[in-house]
C-alpha atoms as a PDB file:
ATOM      1  CA  THR A   1     -24.881  15.238 -22.676  1.00  0.00           C
ATOM      2  CA  THR A   2     -25.423  18.938 -21.918  1.00  0.00           C
ATOM      3  CA  THR A   3     -22.255  19.316 -19.805  1.00  0.00           C
ATOM      4  CA  PRO A   4     -19.880  16.408 -20.514  1.00  0.00           C
ATOM      5  CA  ARG A   5     -17.486  16.906 -17.590  1.00  0.00           C
ATOM      6  CA  ILE A   6     -15.984  14.677 -14.941  1.00  0.00           C
ATOM      7  CA  GLY A   7     -13.089  16.800 -13.683  1.00  0.00           C
ATOM      8  CA  ASP A   8     -15.270  18.945 -11.432  1.00  0.00           C
ATOM      9  CA  ILE A   9     -16.933  15.884  -9.878  1.00  0.00           C
ATOM     10  CA  LEU A  10     -13.637  14.052  -9.293  1.00  0.00           C
ATOM     11  CA  GLN A  11     -12.136  17.209  -7.832  1.00  0.00           C
ATOM     12  CA  LYS A  12     -14.830  17.246  -5.130  1.00  0.00           C
ATOM     13  CA  LEU A  13     -14.517  13.519  -4.363  1.00  0.00           C
ATOM     14  CA  ALA A  14     -10.741  13.022  -4.758  1.00  0.00           C
ATOM     15  CA  PRO A  15      -9.749  14.245  -1.246  1.00  0.00           C
ATOM     16  CA  PHE A  16     -11.663  11.283   0.214  1.00  0.00           C
ATOM     17  CA  LEU A  17      -9.292   8.911  -1.590  1.00  0.00           C
ATOM     18  CA  LYS A  18      -6.600   9.658   1.015  1.00  0.00           C
ATOM     19  CA  MET A  19      -8.581   7.391   3.354  1.00  0.00           C
ATOM     20  CA  TYR A  20      -7.475   4.459   1.193  1.00  0.00           C
ATOM     21  CA  GLY A  21      -4.005   4.894   2.726  1.00  0.00           C
ATOM     22  CA  GLU A  22      -5.312   3.472   6.011  1.00  0.00           C
ATOM     23  CA  TYR A  23      -6.880   0.540   4.200  1.00  0.00           C
ATOM     24  CA  VAL A  24      -3.661  -0.117   2.284  1.00  0.00           C
ATOM     25  CA  LYS A  25      -1.598   0.028   5.488  1.00  0.00           C
ATOM     26  CA  ASN A  26      -3.671  -2.746   7.027  1.00  0.00           C
ATOM     27  CA  PHE A  27      -4.177  -4.784   3.850  1.00  0.00           C
ATOM     28  CA  ASP A  28      -1.405  -7.366   4.408  1.00  0.00           C
ATOM     29  CA  ASN A  29      -2.513  -7.939   7.976  1.00  0.00           C
ATOM     30  CA  ALA A  30      -6.151  -8.347   6.905  1.00  0.00           C
ATOM     31  CA  MET A  31      -5.182 -10.840   4.189  1.00  0.00           C
ATOM     32  CA  GLU A  32      -3.136 -12.805   6.707  1.00  0.00           C
ATOM     33  CA  LEU A  33      -6.073 -12.866   9.142  1.00  0.00           C
ATOM     34  CA  VAL A  34      -8.460 -14.166   6.459  1.00  0.00           C
ATOM     35  CA  LYS A  35      -5.942 -16.871   5.544  1.00  0.00           C
ATOM     36  CA  MET A  36      -5.363 -17.822   9.182  1.00  0.00           C
ATOM     37  CA  TRP A  37      -9.075 -18.056  10.060  1.00  0.00           C
ATOM     38  CA  THR A  38      -9.859 -19.945   6.861  1.00  0.00           C
ATOM     39  CA  GLU A  39      -7.267 -22.546   7.874  1.00  0.00           C
ATOM     40  CA  ARG A  40      -8.200 -22.607  11.575  1.00  0.00           C
ATOM     41  CA  SER A  41     -11.965 -22.456  11.511  1.00  0.00           C
ATOM     42  CA  PRO A  42     -14.023 -24.795   9.322  1.00  0.00           C
ATOM     43  CA  GLN A  43     -17.102 -22.706  10.157  1.00  0.00           C
ATOM     44  CA  PHE A  44     -15.419 -19.486   8.951  1.00  0.00           C
ATOM     45  CA  LYS A  45     -14.219 -21.249   5.784  1.00  0.00           C
ATOM     46  CA  PHE A  46     -17.731 -22.615   5.130  1.00  0.00           C
ATOM     47  CA  ILE A  47     -19.339 -19.165   5.522  1.00  0.00           C
ATOM     48  CA  ILE A  48     -16.775 -17.492   3.246  1.00  0.00           C
ATOM     49  CA  GLN A  49     -17.162 -20.195   0.599  1.00  0.00           C
ATOM     50  CA  ASN A  50     -20.960 -19.861   0.662  1.00  0.00           C
ATOM     51  CA  ILE A  51     -20.791 -16.085   0.282  1.00  0.00           C
ATOM     52  CA  GLN A  52     -18.297 -16.412  -2.586  1.00  0.00           C
ATOM     53  CA  LYS A  53     -20.710 -18.721  -4.443  1.00  0.00           C
ATOM     54  CA  GLU A  54     -23.347 -15.986  -4.583  1.00  0.00           C
ATOM     55  CA  LYS A  55     -23.940 -14.430  -7.989  1.00  0.00           C
ATOM     56  CA  VAL A  56     -23.235 -10.932  -6.686  1.00  0.00           C
ATOM     57  CA  CYS A  57     -19.613 -11.994  -5.957  1.00  0.00           C
ATOM     58  CA  GLY A  58     -19.010 -12.713  -9.636  1.00  0.00           C
ATOM     59  CA  ASN A  59     -17.123 -15.950  -8.935  1.00  0.00           C
ATOM     60  CA  LEU A  60     -14.368 -13.985  -7.175  1.00  0.00           C
ATOM     61  CA  THR A  61     -12.834 -14.805  -3.799  1.00  0.00           C
ATOM     62  CA  LEU A  62     -12.956 -12.559  -0.752  1.00  0.00           C
ATOM     63  CA  GLN A  63      -9.271 -11.824  -1.286  1.00  0.00           C
ATOM     64  CA  HIS A  64      -9.983 -10.582  -4.824  1.00  0.00           C
ATOM     65  CA  HIS A  65     -12.639  -8.222  -3.485  1.00  0.00           C
ATOM     66  CA  MET A  66     -10.292  -7.028  -0.746  1.00  0.00           C
ATOM     67  CA  LEU A  67      -7.675  -6.172  -3.388  1.00  0.00           C
ATOM     68  CA  GLU A  68     -10.039  -3.876  -5.315  1.00  0.00           C
ATOM     69  CA  PRO A  69      -9.648  -0.809  -3.049  1.00  0.00           C
ATOM     70  CA  VAL A  70      -5.841  -1.163  -3.175  1.00  0.00           C
ATOM     71  CA  GLN A  71      -5.974  -0.972  -6.985  1.00  0.00           C
ATOM     72  CA  ARG A  72      -8.587   1.784  -7.148  1.00  0.00           C
ATOM     73  CA  ILE A  73      -6.395   4.886  -6.742  1.00  0.00           C
ATOM     74  CA  PRO A  74      -3.774   3.852  -9.317  1.00  0.00           C
ATOM     75  CA  ARG A  75      -6.641   2.979 -11.681  1.00  0.00           C
ATOM     76  CA  TYR A  76      -8.247   6.423 -11.240  1.00  0.00           C
ATOM     77  CA  GLU A  77      -4.880   8.041 -11.799  1.00  0.00           C
ATOM     78  CA  MET A  78      -4.314   6.112 -15.061  1.00  0.00           C
ATOM     79  CA  LEU A  79      -7.824   6.809 -16.317  1.00  0.00           C
ATOM     80  CA  LEU A  80      -7.535  10.526 -15.588  1.00  0.00           C
ATOM     81  CA  LYS A  81      -4.136  10.746 -17.316  1.00  0.00           C
ATOM     82  CA  ASP A  82      -5.630   9.033 -20.360  1.00  0.00           C
ATOM     83  CA  TYR A  83      -8.667  11.334 -20.222  1.00  0.00           C
ATOM     84  CA  LEU A  84      -6.408  14.413 -20.165  1.00  0.00           C
ATOM     85  CA  ARG A  85      -4.328  13.102 -23.096  1.00  0.00           C
ATOM     86  CA  LYS A  86      -7.480  12.806 -25.204  1.00  0.00           C
ATOM     87  CA  LEU A  87      -9.212  15.952 -23.943  1.00  0.00           C
ATOM     88  CA  PRO A  88      -8.668  19.125 -25.996  1.00  0.00           C
ATOM     89  CA  GLN A  89      -6.760  21.705 -23.946  1.00  0.00           C
ATOM     90  CA  ASP A  90      -9.419  24.321 -24.609  1.00  0.00           C
ATOM     91  CA  SER A  91     -12.099  22.072 -23.091  1.00  0.00           C
ATOM     92  CA  LEU A  92     -14.169  23.451 -20.214  1.00  0.00           C
ATOM     93  CA  ASP A  93     -13.177  20.381 -18.191  1.00  0.00           C
ATOM     94  CA  TRP A  94      -9.392  20.694 -18.696  1.00  0.00           C
ATOM     95  CA  LYS A  95      -8.520  22.713 -15.558  1.00  0.00           C
ATOM     96  CA  ASP A  96     -10.826  20.686 -13.288  1.00  0.00           C
ATOM     97  CA  ALA A  97      -9.522  17.386 -14.678  1.00  0.00           C
ATOM     98  CA  GLU A  98      -5.938  18.578 -14.234  1.00  0.00           C
ATOM     99  CA  LYS A  99      -6.635  19.615 -10.625  1.00  0.00           C
ATOM    100  CA  SER A 100      -8.362  16.239 -10.000  1.00  0.00           C
ATOM    101  CA  LEU A 101      -5.294  14.411 -11.316  1.00  0.00           C
ATOM    102  CA  GLU A 102      -3.083  16.419  -8.972  1.00  0.00           C
ATOM    103  CA  ILE A 103      -5.254  15.494  -5.951  1.00  0.00           C
ATOM    104  CA  ILE A 104      -5.490  11.827  -6.976  1.00  0.00           C
ATOM    105  CA  SER A 105      -1.723  11.657  -7.532  1.00  0.00           C
ATOM    106  CA  THR A 106      -1.242  13.019  -4.009  1.00  0.00           C
ATOM    107  CA  ALA A 107      -3.582  10.312  -2.666  1.00  0.00           C
ATOM    108  CA  ALA A 108      -1.606   7.671  -4.595  1.00  0.00           C
ATOM    109  CA  SER A 109       1.638   8.975  -3.100  1.00  0.00           C
ATOM    110  CA  HIS A 110       0.014   8.915   0.340  1.00  0.00           C
ATOM    111  CA  SER A 111      -0.966   5.244  -0.135  1.00  0.00           C
ATOM    112  CA  ASN A 112       2.480   4.301  -1.421  1.00  0.00           C
ATOM    113  CA  SER A 113       4.081   6.098   1.504  1.00  0.00           C
ATOM    114  CA  ALA A 114       1.834   4.196   3.932  1.00  0.00           C
ATOM    115  CA  ILE A 115       2.897   0.899   2.339  1.00  0.00           C
ATOM    116  CA  ARG A 116       6.600   1.805   2.612  1.00  0.00           C
ATOM    117  CA  LYS A 117       6.196   2.801   6.277  1.00  0.00           C
ATOM    118  CA  MET A 118       4.528  -0.505   7.116  1.00  0.00           C
ATOM    119  CA  GLU A 119       7.195  -2.485   5.253  1.00  0.00           C
ATOM    120  CA  ASN A 120       9.884  -0.559   7.145  1.00  0.00           C
ATOM    121  CA  LEU A 121       8.233  -1.291  10.505  1.00  0.00           C
ATOM    122  CA  LYS A 122       7.920  -4.993   9.604  1.00  0.00           C
ATOM    123  CA  LYS A 123      11.625  -5.131   8.738  1.00  0.00           C
ATOM    124  CA  LEU A 124      12.540  -3.383  12.010  1.00  0.00           C
ATOM    125  CA  LEU A 125      10.416  -5.915  13.897  1.00  0.00           C
ATOM    126  CA  GLU A 126      12.248  -8.782  12.169  1.00  0.00           C
ATOM    127  CA  ILE A 127      15.620  -7.262  13.133  1.00  0.00           C
ATOM    128  CA  TYR A 128      14.403  -6.716  16.707  1.00  0.00           C
ATOM    129  CA  GLU A 129      13.482 -10.406  16.933  1.00  0.00           C
ATOM    130  CA  MET A 130      16.823 -11.447  15.361  1.00  0.00           C
ATOM    131  CA  LEU A 131      18.698  -9.421  17.994  1.00  0.00           C
ATOM    132  CA  GLY A 132      16.978 -11.310  20.785  1.00  0.00           C
ATOM    133  CA  GLU A 133      14.459  -8.547  21.545  1.00  0.00           C
ATOM    134  CA  GLU A 134      16.983  -6.772  23.757  1.00  0.00           C
ATOM    135  CA  GLU A 135      17.203  -3.357  22.082  1.00  0.00           C
ATOM    136  CA  ASP A 136      13.798  -1.891  21.194  1.00  0.00           C
ATOM    137  CA  ILE A 137      14.301  -0.474  17.702  1.00  0.00           C
ATOM    138  CA  VAL A 138      10.697  -0.733  16.486  1.00  0.00           C
ATOM    139  CA  ASN A 139       9.659   2.880  16.256  1.00  0.00           C
ATOM    140  CA  PRO A 140       7.949   4.747  13.367  1.00  0.00           C
ATOM    141  CA  SER A 141      10.721   7.375  13.489  1.00  0.00           C
ATOM    142  CA  ASN A 142      13.424   4.707  12.932  1.00  0.00           C
ATOM    143  CA  GLU A 143      14.275   3.693   9.402  1.00  0.00           C
ATOM    144  CA  LEU A 144      16.442   0.870   8.107  1.00  0.00           C
ATOM    145  CA  ILE A 145      18.841   2.456   5.631  1.00  0.00           C
ATOM    146  CA  LYS A 146      21.087  -0.483   4.789  1.00  0.00           C
ATOM    147  CA  GLU A 147      22.166  -3.856   6.117  1.00  0.00           C
ATOM    148  CA  GLY A 148      24.884  -6.289   5.185  1.00  0.00           C
ATOM    149  CA  GLN A 149      28.190  -8.011   5.864  1.00  0.00           C
ATOM    150  CA  ILE A 150      31.223  -5.857   6.714  1.00  0.00           C
ATOM    151  CA  LEU A 151      34.799  -6.545   7.742  1.00  0.00           C
ATOM    152  CA  LYS A 152      35.988  -4.977  10.982  1.00  0.00           C
ATOM    153  CA  LEU A 153      39.706  -4.367  11.048  1.00  0.00           C
ATOM    154  CA  ALA A 154      41.361  -4.740  14.445  1.00  0.00           C
ATOM    155  CA  ALA A 155      43.536  -1.752  15.305  1.00  0.00           C
ATOM    156  CA  ARG A 156      46.393  -3.808  16.820  1.00  0.00           C
ATOM    157  CA  ASN A 157      47.048  -6.557  14.332  1.00  0.00           C
ATOM    158  CA  THR A 158      44.918  -5.487  11.323  1.00  0.00           C
ATOM    159  CA  SER A 159      43.113  -8.813  11.316  1.00  0.00           C
ATOM    160  CA  ALA A 160      39.670  -8.763   9.731  1.00  0.00           C
ATOM    161  CA  GLN A 161      36.574  -9.942  11.578  1.00  0.00           C
ATOM    162  CA  GLU A 162      33.254 -10.466   9.824  1.00  0.00           C
ATOM    163  CA  ARG A 163      30.307  -8.541  11.201  1.00  0.00           C
ATOM    164  CA  TYR A 164      26.723  -7.952  10.122  1.00  0.00           C
ATOM    165  CA  LEU A 165      25.740  -4.282  10.245  1.00  0.00           C
ATOM    166  CA  PHE A 166      22.299  -2.671  10.441  1.00  0.00           C
ATOM    167  CA  LEU A 167      22.351   1.024   9.600  1.00  0.00           C
END
């Protein structure tokens, strides 16, 4: 009550939120592994179900708890934006809260970028498999820009041949 501020605290802790990007990158894979082992191993399924029944889990599944960190950064960003809207601009906490929002927004962008990179690599892997795994295109520096049907016109007789193009 003597110093009602949160901006300075969040400003110190916000840089650590960038670590969530790594978690987010591996989230889909982790969810798939939980699903796979739940289906494959009755023992694993039994253990998970018993843990989920505990009061501390709040009747939520493991997957719900795994989703929490993915939602955390956008939630902080929304809360801080709302806090700044309601905070008087002459408040002692204004500059720190504004700086915290900037850092948290950067962390959110970092997480979103990590998700896009993983989705791009997954798509490249799918294309690689479709092409018979002959040309290795799966590389973090490669990016799928566009794909789709095109018509190739023959130079001699101007006949059109359908092709599928990956750019």
